[in-house]
Amino acid sequence: PREFFVPPRFLHLTYKPTVIPIGYGQTL
């Protein structure tokens, strides 16, 4: 479940073709 690895405020991006910020300058 990819959504469990996504910060809550970015859940709308979970299954979009984009990187997702996860903090500390890093991305999913």
mmCIF file of all heavy atoms, coordinates in Angstrom:
data_MODEL
# 
_entry.id   MODEL 
# 
loop_
_atom_site.group_PDB 
_atom_site.id 
_atom_site.type_symbol 
_atom_site.label_atom_id 
_atom_site.label_alt_id 
_atom_site.label_comp_id 
_atom_site.label_asym_id 
_atom_site.label_entity_id 
_atom_site.label_seq_id 
_atom_site.pdbx_PDB_ins_code 
_atom_site.Cartn_x 
_atom_site.Cartn_y 
_atom_site.Cartn_z 
_atom_site.occupancy 
_atom_site.B_iso_or_equiv 
_atom_site.pdbx_formal_charge 
_atom_site.auth_seq_id 
_atom_site.auth_comp_id 
_atom_site.auth_asym_id 
_atom_site.auth_atom_id 
_atom_site.pdbx_PDB_model_num 
ATOM 1   N N   . PRO A 1 1  ? 0.833  -1.211 0.000   1.00 0.00 ? 1  PRO A N   1 
ATOM 2   C CA  . PRO A 1 1  ? 0.000  0.000  0.000   1.00 0.00 ? 1  PRO A CA  1 
ATOM 3   C C   . PRO A 1 1  ? 0.869  1.263  0.000   1.00 0.00 ? 1  PRO A C   1 
ATOM 4   O O   . PRO A 1 1  ? 1.303  1.735  1.047   1.00 0.00 ? 1  PRO A O   1 
ATOM 5   C CB  . PRO A 1 1  ? -0.800 -0.127 1.301   1.00 0.00 ? 1  PRO A CB  1 
ATOM 6   C CG  . PRO A 1 1  ? 0.103  -0.920 2.209   1.00 0.00 ? 1  PRO A CG  1 
ATOM 7   C CD  . PRO A 1 1  ? 0.855  -1.869 1.328   1.00 0.00 ? 1  PRO A CD  1 
ATOM 8   N N   . ARG A 1 2  ? 1.095  1.812  -1.159  1.00 0.00 ? 2  ARG A N   1 
ATOM 9   C CA  . ARG A 1 2  ? 1.984  2.960  -1.316  1.00 0.00 ? 2  ARG A CA  1 
ATOM 10  C C   . ARG A 1 2  ? 1.553  4.150  -0.440  1.00 0.00 ? 2  ARG A C   1 
ATOM 11  O O   . ARG A 1 2  ? 2.401  4.918  0.034   1.00 0.00 ? 2  ARG A O   1 
ATOM 12  C CB  . ARG A 1 2  ? 2.032  3.363  -2.797  1.00 0.00 ? 2  ARG A CB  1 
ATOM 13  C CG  . ARG A 1 2  ? 2.971  4.528  -3.125  1.00 0.00 ? 2  ARG A CG  1 
ATOM 14  C CD  . ARG A 1 2  ? 3.013  4.715  -4.645  1.00 0.00 ? 2  ARG A CD  1 
ATOM 15  N NE  . ARG A 1 2  ? 3.633  5.961  -5.041  1.00 0.00 ? 2  ARG A NE  1 
ATOM 16  C CZ  . ARG A 1 2  ? 4.940  6.145  -5.235  1.00 0.00 ? 2  ARG A CZ  1 
ATOM 17  N NH1 . ARG A 1 2  ? 5.776  5.129  -5.042  1.00 0.00 ? 2  ARG A NH1 1 
ATOM 18  N NH2 . ARG A 1 2  ? 5.427  7.301  -5.623  1.00 0.00 ? 2  ARG A NH2 1 
ATOM 19  N N   . GLU A 1 3  ? 0.259  4.277  -0.225  1.00 0.00 ? 3  GLU A N   1 
ATOM 20  C CA  . GLU A 1 3  ? -0.246 5.415  0.550   1.00 0.00 ? 3  GLU A CA  1 
ATOM 21  C C   . GLU A 1 3  ? 0.296  5.431  1.984   1.00 0.00 ? 3  GLU A C   1 
ATOM 22  O O   . GLU A 1 3  ? 0.356  6.487  2.615   1.00 0.00 ? 3  GLU A O   1 
ATOM 23  C CB  . GLU A 1 3  ? -1.775 5.427  0.571   1.00 0.00 ? 3  GLU A CB  1 
ATOM 24  C CG  . GLU A 1 3  ? -2.425 4.156  1.029   1.00 0.00 ? 3  GLU A CG  1 
ATOM 25  C CD  . GLU A 1 3  ? -2.732 3.190  -0.108  1.00 0.00 ? 3  GLU A CD  1 
ATOM 26  O OE1 . GLU A 1 3  ? -2.009 3.224  -1.136  1.00 0.00 ? 3  GLU A OE1 1 
ATOM 27  O OE2 . GLU A 1 3  ? -3.685 2.408  0.051   1.00 0.00 ? 3  GLU A OE2 1 
ATOM 28  N N   . PHE A 1 4  ? 0.716  4.291  2.501   1.00 0.00 ? 4  PHE A N   1 
ATOM 29  C CA  . PHE A 1 4  ? 1.280  4.240  3.848   1.00 0.00 ? 4  PHE A CA  1 
ATOM 30  C C   . PHE A 1 4  ? 2.691  4.821  3.918   1.00 0.00 ? 4  PHE A C   1 
ATOM 31  O O   . PHE A 1 4  ? 3.218  5.040  5.000   1.00 0.00 ? 4  PHE A O   1 
ATOM 32  C CB  . PHE A 1 4  ? 1.298  2.794  4.356   1.00 0.00 ? 4  PHE A CB  1 
ATOM 33  C CG  . PHE A 1 4  ? -0.054 2.229  4.692   1.00 0.00 ? 4  PHE A CG  1 
ATOM 34  C CD1 . PHE A 1 4  ? -0.200 0.882  4.990   1.00 0.00 ? 4  PHE A CD1 1 
ATOM 35  C CD2 . PHE A 1 4  ? -1.183 3.034  4.701   1.00 0.00 ? 4  PHE A CD2 1 
ATOM 36  C CE1 . PHE A 1 4  ? -1.451 0.357  5.290   1.00 0.00 ? 4  PHE A CE1 1 
ATOM 37  C CE2 . PHE A 1 4  ? -2.428 2.516  5.007   1.00 0.00 ? 4  PHE A CE2 1 
ATOM 38  C CZ  . PHE A 1 4  ? -2.566 1.174  5.295   1.00 0.00 ? 4  PHE A CZ  1 
ATOM 39  N N   . PHE A 1 5  ? 3.279  5.055  2.753   1.00 0.00 ? 5  PHE A N   1 
ATOM 40  C CA  . PHE A 1 5  ? 4.645  5.583  2.690   1.00 0.00 ? 5  PHE A CA  1 
ATOM 41  C C   . PHE A 1 5  ? 4.657  7.074  2.330   1.00 0.00 ? 5  PHE A C   1 
ATOM 42  O O   . PHE A 1 5  ? 5.718  7.665  2.171   1.00 0.00 ? 5  PHE A O   1 
ATOM 43  C CB  . PHE A 1 5  ? 5.460  4.800  1.649   1.00 0.00 ? 5  PHE A CB  1 
ATOM 44  C CG  . PHE A 1 5  ? 5.591  3.340  1.979   1.00 0.00 ? 5  PHE A CG  1 
ATOM 45  C CD1 . PHE A 1 5  ? 4.577  2.443  1.674   1.00 0.00 ? 5  PHE A CD1 1 
ATOM 46  C CD2 . PHE A 1 5  ? 6.730  2.854  2.606   1.00 0.00 ? 5  PHE A CD2 1 
ATOM 47  C CE1 . PHE A 1 5  ? 4.687  1.093  1.994   1.00 0.00 ? 5  PHE A CE1 1 
ATOM 48  C CE2 . PHE A 1 5  ? 6.856  1.505  2.929   1.00 0.00 ? 5  PHE A CE2 1 
ATOM 49  C CZ  . PHE A 1 5  ? 5.828  0.627  2.621   1.00 0.00 ? 5  PHE A CZ  1 
ATOM 50  N N   . VAL A 1 6  ? 3.467  7.644  2.187   1.00 0.00 ? 6  VAL A N   1 
ATOM 51  C CA  . VAL A 1 6  ? 3.312  9.034  1.747   1.00 0.00 ? 6  VAL A CA  1 
ATOM 52  C C   . VAL A 1 6  ? 2.876  9.913  2.912   1.00 0.00 ? 6  VAL A C   1 
ATOM 53  O O   . VAL A 1 6  ? 1.946  9.561  3.640   1.00 0.00 ? 6  VAL A O   1 
ATOM 54  C CB  . VAL A 1 6  ? 2.269  9.108  0.611   1.00 0.00 ? 6  VAL A CB  1 
ATOM 55  C CG1 . VAL A 1 6  ? 2.030  10.557 0.199   1.00 0.00 ? 6  VAL A CG1 1 
ATOM 56  C CG2 . VAL A 1 6  ? 2.720  8.281  -0.589  1.00 0.00 ? 6  VAL A CG2 1 
ATOM 57  N N   . PRO A 1 7  ? 3.530  11.074 3.095   1.00 0.00 ? 7  PRO A N   1 
ATOM 58  C CA  . PRO A 1 7  ? 3.072  12.004 4.132   1.00 0.00 ? 7  PRO A CA  1 
ATOM 59  C C   . PRO A 1 7  ? 1.607  12.373 3.891   1.00 0.00 ? 7  PRO A C   1 
ATOM 60  O O   . PRO A 1 7  ? 1.194  12.557 2.737   1.00 0.00 ? 7  PRO A O   1 
ATOM 61  C CB  . PRO A 1 7  ? 3.988  13.223 3.940   1.00 0.00 ? 7  PRO A CB  1 
ATOM 62  C CG  . PRO A 1 7  ? 5.238  12.648 3.341   1.00 0.00 ? 7  PRO A CG  1 
ATOM 63  C CD  . PRO A 1 7  ? 4.757  11.561 2.424   1.00 0.00 ? 7  PRO A CD  1 
ATOM 64  N N   . PRO A 1 8  ? 0.800  12.464 4.941   1.00 0.00 ? 8  PRO A N   1 
ATOM 65  C CA  . PRO A 1 8  ? -0.644 12.718 4.800   1.00 0.00 ? 8  PRO A CA  1 
ATOM 66  C C   . PRO A 1 8  ? -1.002 13.881 3.875   1.00 0.00 ? 8  PRO A C   1 
ATOM 67  O O   . PRO A 1 8  ? -1.957 13.788 3.109   1.00 0.00 ? 8  PRO A O   1 
ATOM 68  C CB  . PRO A 1 8  ? -1.077 12.999 6.243   1.00 0.00 ? 8  PRO A CB  1 
ATOM 69  C CG  . PRO A 1 8  ? -0.138 12.192 7.071   1.00 0.00 ? 8  PRO A CG  1 
ATOM 70  C CD  . PRO A 1 8  ? 1.189  12.303 6.357   1.00 0.00 ? 8  PRO A CD  1 
ATOM 71  N N   . ARG A 1 9  ? -0.237 14.971 3.918   1.00 0.00 ? 9  ARG A N   1 
ATOM 72  C CA  . ARG A 1 9  ? -0.606 16.130 3.102   1.00 0.00 ? 9  ARG A CA  1 
ATOM 73  C C   . ARG A 1 9  ? -0.366 15.916 1.610   1.00 0.00 ? 9  ARG A C   1 
ATOM 74  O O   . ARG A 1 9  ? -0.813 16.722 0.789   1.00 0.00 ? 9  ARG A O   1 
ATOM 75  C CB  . ARG A 1 9  ? 0.145  17.381 3.575   1.00 0.00 ? 9  ARG A CB  1 
ATOM 76  C CG  . ARG A 1 9  ? 1.647  17.371 3.340   1.00 0.00 ? 9  ARG A CG  1 
ATOM 77  C CD  . ARG A 1 9  ? 2.261  18.634 3.924   1.00 0.00 ? 9  ARG A CD  1 
ATOM 78  N NE  . ARG A 1 9  ? 3.691  18.745 3.713   1.00 0.00 ? 9  ARG A NE  1 
ATOM 79  C CZ  . ARG A 1 9  ? 4.612  18.155 4.442   1.00 0.00 ? 9  ARG A CZ  1 
ATOM 80  N NH1 . ARG A 1 9  ? 4.238  17.377 5.463   1.00 0.00 ? 9  ARG A NH1 1 
ATOM 81  N NH2 . ARG A 1 9  ? 5.891  18.313 4.192   1.00 0.00 ? 9  ARG A NH2 1 
ATOM 82  N N   . PHE A 1 10 ? 0.322  14.812 1.261   1.00 0.00 ? 10 PHE A N   1 
ATOM 83  C CA  . PHE A 1 10 ? 0.584  14.533 -0.151  1.00 0.00 ? 10 PHE A CA  1 
ATOM 84  C C   . PHE A 1 10 ? -0.138 13.278 -0.642  1.00 0.00 ? 10 PHE A C   1 
ATOM 85  O O   . PHE A 1 10 ? 0.184  12.750 -1.707  1.00 0.00 ? 10 PHE A O   1 
ATOM 86  C CB  . PHE A 1 10 ? 2.091  14.380 -0.396  1.00 0.00 ? 10 PHE A CB  1 
ATOM 87  C CG  . PHE A 1 10 ? 2.880  15.640 -0.164  1.00 0.00 ? 10 PHE A CG  1 
ATOM 88  C CD1 . PHE A 1 10 ? 3.876  15.678 0.801   1.00 0.00 ? 10 PHE A CD1 1 
ATOM 89  C CD2 . PHE A 1 10 ? 2.619  16.784 -0.900  1.00 0.00 ? 10 PHE A CD2 1 
ATOM 90  C CE1 . PHE A 1 10 ? 4.609  16.834 1.025   1.00 0.00 ? 10 PHE A CE1 1 
ATOM 91  C CE2 . PHE A 1 10 ? 3.333  17.957 -0.675  1.00 0.00 ? 10 PHE A CE2 1 
ATOM 92  C CZ  . PHE A 1 10 ? 4.334  17.979 0.286   1.00 0.00 ? 10 PHE A CZ  1 
ATOM 93  N N   . LEU A 1 11 ? -1.123 12.824 0.115   1.00 0.00 ? 11 LEU A N   1 
ATOM 94  C CA  . LEU A 1 11 ? -1.819 11.594 -0.266  1.00 0.00 ? 11 LEU A CA  1 
ATOM 95  C C   . LEU A 1 11 ? -2.451 11.675 -1.656  1.00 0.00 ? 11 LEU A C   1 
ATOM 96  O O   . LEU A 1 11 ? -2.549 10.672 -2.357  1.00 0.00 ? 11 LEU A O   1 
ATOM 97  C CB  . LEU A 1 11 ? -2.902 11.263 0.771   1.00 0.00 ? 11 LEU A CB  1 
ATOM 98  C CG  . LEU A 1 11 ? -2.422 10.583 2.053   1.00 0.00 ? 11 LEU A CG  1 
ATOM 99  C CD1 . LEU A 1 11 ? -3.573 10.445 3.045   1.00 0.00 ? 11 LEU A CD1 1 
ATOM 100 C CD2 . LEU A 1 11 ? -1.812 9.228  1.747   1.00 0.00 ? 11 LEU A CD2 1 
ATOM 101 N N   . HIS A 1 12 ? -2.856 12.869 -2.050  1.00 0.00 ? 12 HIS A N   1 
ATOM 102 C CA  . HIS A 1 12 ? -3.478 13.033 -3.365  1.00 0.00 ? 12 HIS A CA  1 
ATOM 103 C C   . HIS A 1 12 ? -2.500 12.756 -4.504  1.00 0.00 ? 12 HIS A C   1 
ATOM 104 O O   . HIS A 1 12 ? -2.902 12.580 -5.657  1.00 0.00 ? 12 HIS A O   1 
ATOM 105 C CB  . HIS A 1 12 ? -4.056 14.442 -3.506  1.00 0.00 ? 12 HIS A CB  1 
ATOM 106 C CG  . HIS A 1 12 ? -3.037 15.533 -3.436  1.00 0.00 ? 12 HIS A CG  1 
ATOM 107 N ND1 . HIS A 1 12 ? -2.389 15.876 -2.262  1.00 0.00 ? 12 HIS A ND1 1 
ATOM 108 C CD2 . HIS A 1 12 ? -2.524 16.342 -4.403  1.00 0.00 ? 12 HIS A CD2 1 
ATOM 109 C CE1 . HIS A 1 12 ? -1.526 16.861 -2.497  1.00 0.00 ? 12 HIS A CE1 1 
ATOM 110 N NE2 . HIS A 1 12 ? -1.599 17.165 -3.788  1.00 0.00 ? 12 HIS A NE2 1 
ATOM 111 N N   . LEU A 1 13 ? -1.202 12.694 -4.187  1.00 0.00 ? 13 LEU A N   1 
ATOM 112 C CA  . LEU A 1 13 ? -0.179 12.439 -5.212  1.00 0.00 ? 13 LEU A CA  1 
ATOM 113 C C   . LEU A 1 13 ? 0.269  10.978 -5.246  1.00 0.00 ? 13 LEU A C   1 
ATOM 114 O O   . LEU A 1 13 ? 1.117  10.607 -6.056  1.00 0.00 ? 13 LEU A O   1 
ATOM 115 C CB  . LEU A 1 13 ? 1.052  13.323 -4.964  1.00 0.00 ? 13 LEU A CB  1 
ATOM 116 C CG  . LEU A 1 13 ? 0.837  14.833 -5.009  1.00 0.00 ? 13 LEU A CG  1 
ATOM 117 C CD1 . LEU A 1 13 ? 2.140  15.553 -4.654  1.00 0.00 ? 13 LEU A CD1 1 
ATOM 118 C CD2 . LEU A 1 13 ? 0.351  15.266 -6.389  1.00 0.00 ? 13 LEU A CD2 1 
ATOM 119 N N   . THR A 1 14 ? -0.308 10.154 -4.380  1.00 0.00 ? 14 THR A N   1 
ATOM 120 C CA  . THR A 1 14 ? 0.164  8.782  -4.198  1.00 0.00 ? 14 THR A CA  1 
ATOM 121 C C   . THR A 1 14 ? 0.309  8.019  -5.502  1.00 0.00 ? 14 THR A C   1 
ATOM 122 O O   . THR A 1 14 ? 1.338  7.373  -5.750  1.00 0.00 ? 14 THR A O   1 
ATOM 123 C CB  . THR A 1 14 ? -0.786 8.006  -3.260  1.00 0.00 ? 14 THR A CB  1 
ATOM 124 O OG1 . THR A 1 14 ? -0.859 8.684  -2.012  1.00 0.00 ? 14 THR A OG1 1 
ATOM 125 C CG2 . THR A 1 14 ? -0.263 6.597  -3.028  1.00 0.00 ? 14 THR A CG2 1 
ATOM 126 N N   . TYR A 1 15 ? -0.696 8.061  -6.348  1.00 0.00 ? 15 TYR A N   1 
ATOM 127 C CA  . TYR A 1 15 ? -0.665 7.305  -7.595  1.00 0.00 ? 15 TYR A CA  1 
ATOM 128 C C   . TYR A 1 15 ? -0.643 8.227  -8.813  1.00 0.00 ? 15 TYR A C   1 
ATOM 129 O O   . TYR A 1 15 ? -1.286 7.970  -9.821  1.00 0.00 ? 15 TYR A O   1 
ATOM 130 C CB  . TYR A 1 15 ? -1.840 6.325  -7.646  1.00 0.00 ? 15 TYR A CB  1 
ATOM 131 C CG  . TYR A 1 15 ? -1.751 5.310  -6.530  1.00 0.00 ? 15 TYR A CG  1 
ATOM 132 C CD1 . TYR A 1 15 ? -2.609 5.362  -5.432  1.00 0.00 ? 15 TYR A CD1 1 
ATOM 133 C CD2 . TYR A 1 15 ? -0.770 4.323  -6.553  1.00 0.00 ? 15 TYR A CD2 1 
ATOM 134 C CE1 . TYR A 1 15 ? -2.491 4.450  -4.390  1.00 0.00 ? 15 TYR A CE1 1 
ATOM 135 C CE2 . TYR A 1 15 ? -0.649 3.401  -5.521  1.00 0.00 ? 15 TYR A CE2 1 
ATOM 136 C CZ  . TYR A 1 15 ? -1.509 3.475  -4.444  1.00 0.00 ? 15 TYR A CZ  1 
ATOM 137 O OH  . TYR A 1 15 ? -1.381 2.571  -3.420  1.00 0.00 ? 15 TYR A OH  1 
ATOM 138 N N   . LYS A 1 16 ? 0.130  9.291  -8.676  1.00 0.00 ? 16 LYS A N   1 
ATOM 139 C CA  . LYS A 1 16 ? 0.358  10.210 -9.780  1.00 0.00 ? 16 LYS A CA  1 
ATOM 140 C C   . LYS A 1 16 ? 1.797  10.021 -10.274 1.00 0.00 ? 16 LYS A C   1 
ATOM 141 O O   . LYS A 1 16 ? 2.680  9.620  -9.524  1.00 0.00 ? 16 LYS A O   1 
ATOM 142 C CB  . LYS A 1 16 ? 0.165  11.653 -9.330  1.00 0.00 ? 16 LYS A CB  1 
ATOM 143 C CG  . LYS A 1 16 ? -1.222 11.965 -8.780  1.00 0.00 ? 16 LYS A CG  1 
ATOM 144 C CD  . LYS A 1 16 ? -2.299 11.846 -9.839  1.00 0.00 ? 16 LYS A CD  1 
ATOM 145 C CE  . LYS A 1 16 ? -3.651 12.276 -9.273  1.00 0.00 ? 16 LYS A CE  1 
ATOM 146 N NZ  . LYS A 1 16 ? -4.750 12.099 -10.271 1.00 0.00 ? 16 LYS A NZ  1 
ATOM 147 N N   . PRO A 1 17 ? 2.057  10.337 -11.558 1.00 0.00 ? 17 PRO A N   1 
ATOM 148 C CA  . PRO A 1 17 ? 3.416  10.188 -12.110 1.00 0.00 ? 17 PRO A CA  1 
ATOM 149 C C   . PRO A 1 17 ? 4.333  11.326 -11.682 1.00 0.00 ? 17 PRO A C   1 
ATOM 150 O O   . PRO A 1 17 ? 4.755  12.155 -12.489 1.00 0.00 ? 17 PRO A O   1 
ATOM 151 C CB  . PRO A 1 17 ? 3.175  10.178 -13.626 1.00 0.00 ? 17 PRO A CB  1 
ATOM 152 C CG  . PRO A 1 17 ? 1.952  11.019 -13.802 1.00 0.00 ? 17 PRO A CG  1 
ATOM 153 C CD  . PRO A 1 17 ? 1.084  10.710 -12.608 1.00 0.00 ? 17 PRO A CD  1 
ATOM 154 N N   . THR A 1 18 ? 4.638  11.370 -10.405 1.00 0.00 ? 18 THR A N   1 
ATOM 155 C CA  . THR A 1 18 ? 5.476  12.436 -9.872  1.00 0.00 ? 18 THR A CA  1 
ATOM 156 C C   . THR A 1 18 ? 6.183  11.951 -8.616  1.00 0.00 ? 18 THR A C   1 
ATOM 157 O O   . THR A 1 18 ? 5.759  10.980 -7.988  1.00 0.00 ? 18 THR A O   1 
ATOM 158 C CB  . THR A 1 18 ? 4.620  13.677 -9.532  1.00 0.00 ? 18 THR A CB  1 
ATOM 159 O OG1 . THR A 1 18 ? 5.469  14.734 -9.092  1.00 0.00 ? 18 THR A OG1 1 
ATOM 160 C CG2 . THR A 1 18 ? 3.616  13.359 -8.428  1.00 0.00 ? 18 THR A CG2 1 
ATOM 161 N N   . VAL A 1 19 ? 7.268  12.627 -8.271  1.00 0.00 ? 19 VAL A N   1 
ATOM 162 C CA  . VAL A 1 19 ? 7.940  12.335 -7.005  1.00 0.00 ? 19 VAL A CA  1 
ATOM 163 C C   . VAL A 1 19 ? 7.151  13.009 -5.880  1.00 0.00 ? 19 VAL A C   1 
ATOM 164 O O   . VAL A 1 19 ? 6.417  13.975 -6.117  1.00 0.00 ? 19 VAL A O   1 
ATOM 165 C CB  . VAL A 1 19 ? 9.394  12.837 -6.997  1.00 0.00 ? 19 VAL A CB  1 
ATOM 166 C CG1 . VAL A 1 19 ? 10.218 12.125 -8.056  1.00 0.00 ? 19 VAL A CG1 1 
ATOM 167 C CG2 . VAL A 1 19 ? 9.452  14.349 -7.214  1.00 0.00 ? 19 VAL A CG2 1 
ATOM 168 N N   . ILE A 1 20 ? 7.316  12.498 -4.666  1.00 0.00 ? 20 ILE A N   1 
ATOM 169 C CA  . ILE A 1 20 ? 6.583  13.020 -3.519  1.00 0.00 ? 20 ILE A CA  1 
ATOM 170 C C   . ILE A 1 20 ? 7.558  13.370 -2.398  1.00 0.00 ? 20 ILE A C   1 
ATOM 171 O O   . ILE A 1 20 ? 8.363  12.515 -2.000  1.00 0.00 ? 20 ILE A O   1 
ATOM 172 C CB  . ILE A 1 20 ? 5.568  11.979 -3.010  1.00 0.00 ? 20 ILE A CB  1 
ATOM 173 C CG1 . ILE A 1 20 ? 4.574  11.629 -4.118  1.00 0.00 ? 20 ILE A CG1 1 
ATOM 174 C CG2 . ILE A 1 20 ? 4.838  12.501 -1.777  1.00 0.00 ? 20 ILE A CG2 1 
ATOM 175 C CD1 . ILE A 1 20 ? 3.636  10.481 -3.766  1.00 0.00 ? 20 ILE A CD1 1 
ATOM 176 N N   . PRO A 1 21 ? 7.539  14.599 -1.911  1.00 0.00 ? 21 PRO A N   1 
ATOM 177 C CA  . PRO A 1 21 ? 8.437  14.978 -0.810  1.00 0.00 ? 21 PRO A CA  1 
ATOM 178 C C   . PRO A 1 21 ? 8.151  14.162 0.442   1.00 0.00 ? 21 PRO A C   1 
ATOM 179 O O   . PRO A 1 21 ? 6.989  13.970 0.815   1.00 0.00 ? 21 PRO A O   1 
ATOM 180 C CB  . PRO A 1 21 ? 8.105  16.462 -0.583  1.00 0.00 ? 21 PRO A CB  1 
ATOM 181 C CG  . PRO A 1 21 ? 7.466  16.923 -1.861  1.00 0.00 ? 21 PRO A CG  1 
ATOM 182 C CD  . PRO A 1 21 ? 6.706  15.734 -2.367  1.00 0.00 ? 21 PRO A CD  1 
ATOM 183 N N   . ILE A 1 22 ? 9.220  13.676 1.090   1.00 0.00 ? 22 ILE A N   1 
ATOM 184 C CA  . ILE A 1 22 ? 9.045  12.921 2.334   1.00 0.00 ? 22 ILE A CA  1 
ATOM 185 C C   . ILE A 1 22 ? 9.835  13.559 3.492   1.00 0.00 ? 22 ILE A C   1 
ATOM 186 O O   . ILE A 1 22 ? 9.954  12.980 4.557   1.00 0.00 ? 22 ILE A O   1 
ATOM 187 C CB  . ILE A 1 22 ? 9.460  11.449 2.167   1.00 0.00 ? 22 ILE A CB  1 
ATOM 188 C CG1 . ILE A 1 22 ? 10.910 11.336 1.687   1.00 0.00 ? 22 ILE A CG1 1 
ATOM 189 C CG2 . ILE A 1 22 ? 8.512  10.723 1.227   1.00 0.00 ? 22 ILE A CG2 1 
ATOM 190 C CD1 . ILE A 1 22 ? 11.428 9.908  1.649   1.00 0.00 ? 22 ILE A CD1 1 
ATOM 191 N N   . GLY A 1 23 ? 10.366 14.758 3.228   1.00 0.00 ? 23 GLY A N   1 
ATOM 192 C CA  . GLY A 1 23 ? 11.098 15.470 4.270   1.00 0.00 ? 23 GLY A CA  1 
ATOM 193 C C   . GLY A 1 23 ? 12.601 15.344 4.136   1.00 0.00 ? 23 GLY A C   1 
ATOM 194 O O   . GLY A 1 23 ? 13.107 14.459 3.450   1.00 0.00 ? 23 GLY A O   1 
ATOM 195 N N   . TYR A 1 24 ? 13.305 16.288 4.749   1.00 0.00 ? 24 TYR A N   1 
ATOM 196 C CA  . TYR A 1 24 ? 14.771 16.298 4.777   1.00 0.00 ? 24 TYR A CA  1 
ATOM 197 C C   . TYR A 1 24 ? 15.393 16.354 3.380   1.00 0.00 ? 24 TYR A C   1 
ATOM 198 O O   . TYR A 1 24 ? 16.473 15.824 3.133   1.00 0.00 ? 24 TYR A O   1 
ATOM 199 C CB  . TYR A 1 24 ? 15.294 15.079 5.544   1.00 0.00 ? 24 TYR A CB  1 
ATOM 200 C CG  . TYR A 1 24 ? 14.687 14.958 6.916   1.00 0.00 ? 24 TYR A CG  1 
ATOM 201 C CD1 . TYR A 1 24 ? 13.548 14.157 7.114   1.00 0.00 ? 24 TYR A CD1 1 
ATOM 202 C CD2 . TYR A 1 24 ? 15.194 15.681 7.986   1.00 0.00 ? 24 TYR A CD2 1 
ATOM 203 C CE1 . TYR A 1 24 ? 12.950 14.080 8.370   1.00 0.00 ? 24 TYR A CE1 1 
ATOM 204 C CE2 . TYR A 1 24 ? 14.601 15.600 9.248   1.00 0.00 ? 24 TYR A CE2 1 
ATOM 205 C CZ  . TYR A 1 24 ? 13.478 14.802 9.417   1.00 0.00 ? 24 TYR A CZ  1 
ATOM 206 O OH  . TYR A 1 24 ? 12.884 14.724 10.662  1.00 0.00 ? 24 TYR A OH  1 
ATOM 207 N N   . GLY A 1 25 ? 14.667 17.000 2.457   1.00 0.00 ? 25 GLY A N   1 
ATOM 208 C CA  . GLY A 1 25 ? 15.173 17.146 1.100   1.00 0.00 ? 25 GLY A CA  1 
ATOM 209 C C   . GLY A 1 25 ? 15.097 15.883 0.272   1.00 0.00 ? 25 GLY A C   1 
ATOM 210 O O   . GLY A 1 25 ? 15.653 15.824 -0.838  1.00 0.00 ? 25 GLY A O   1 
ATOM 211 N N   . GLN A 1 26 ? 14.409 14.865 0.755   1.00 0.00 ? 26 GLN A N   1 
ATOM 212 C CA  . GLN A 1 26 ? 14.311 13.588 0.054   1.00 0.00 ? 26 GLN A CA  1 
ATOM 213 C C   . GLN A 1 26 ? 12.910 13.410 -0.538  1.00 0.00 ? 26 GLN A C   1 
ATOM 214 O O   . GLN A 1 26 ? 11.952 14.065 -0.115  1.00 0.00 ? 26 GLN A O   1 
ATOM 215 C CB  . GLN A 1 26 ? 14.622 12.437 1.005   1.00 0.00 ? 26 GLN A CB  1 
ATOM 216 C CG  . GLN A 1 26 ? 15.977 12.551 1.688   1.00 0.00 ? 26 GLN A CG  1 
ATOM 217 C CD  . GLN A 1 26 ? 17.119 12.622 0.701   1.00 0.00 ? 26 GLN A CD  1 
ATOM 218 O OE1 . GLN A 1 26 ? 17.246 11.775 -0.185  1.00 0.00 ? 26 GLN A OE1 1 
ATOM 219 N NE2 . GLN A 1 26 ? 17.964 13.642 0.828   1.00 0.00 ? 26 GLN A NE2 1 
ATOM 220 N N   . THR A 1 27 ? 12.815 12.491 -1.491  1.00 0.00 ? 27 THR A N   1 
ATOM 221 C CA  . THR A 1 27 ? 11.532 12.257 -2.138  1.00 0.00 ? 27 THR A CA  1 
ATOM 222 C C   . THR A 1 27 ? 11.247 10.761 -2.290  1.00 0.00 ? 27 THR A C   1 
ATOM 223 O O   . THR A 1 27 ? 12.152 9.934  -2.272  1.00 0.00 ? 27 THR A O   1 
ATOM 224 C CB  . THR A 1 27 ? 11.495 12.881 -3.546  1.00 0.00 ? 27 THR A CB  1 
ATOM 225 O OG1 . THR A 1 27 ? 12.564 12.341 -4.343  1.00 0.00 ? 27 THR A OG1 1 
ATOM 226 C CG2 . THR A 1 27 ? 11.620 14.389 -3.485  1.00 0.00 ? 27 THR A CG2 1 
ATOM 227 N N   . LEU A 1 28 ? 9.973  10.459 -2.437  1.00 0.00 ? 28 LEU A N   1 
ATOM 228 C CA  . LEU A 1 28 ? 9.530  9.110  -2.777  1.00 0.00 ? 28 LEU A CA  1 
ATOM 229 C C   . LEU A 1 28 ? 9.423  9.065  -4.297  1.00 0.00 ? 28 LEU A C   1 
ATOM 230 O O   . LEU A 1 28 ? 8.702  9.845  -4.899  1.00 0.00 ? 28 LEU A O   1 
ATOM 231 C CB  . LEU A 1 28 ? 8.176  8.818  -2.130  1.00 0.00 ? 28 LEU A CB  1 
ATOM 232 C CG  . LEU A 1 28 ? 7.449  7.533  -2.545  1.00 0.00 ? 28 LEU A CG  1 
ATOM 233 C CD1 . LEU A 1 28 ? 8.305  6.308  -2.251  1.00 0.00 ? 28 LEU A CD1 1 
ATOM 234 C CD2 . LEU A 1 28 ? 6.110  7.442  -1.817  1.00 0.00 ? 28 LEU A CD2 1 
# 
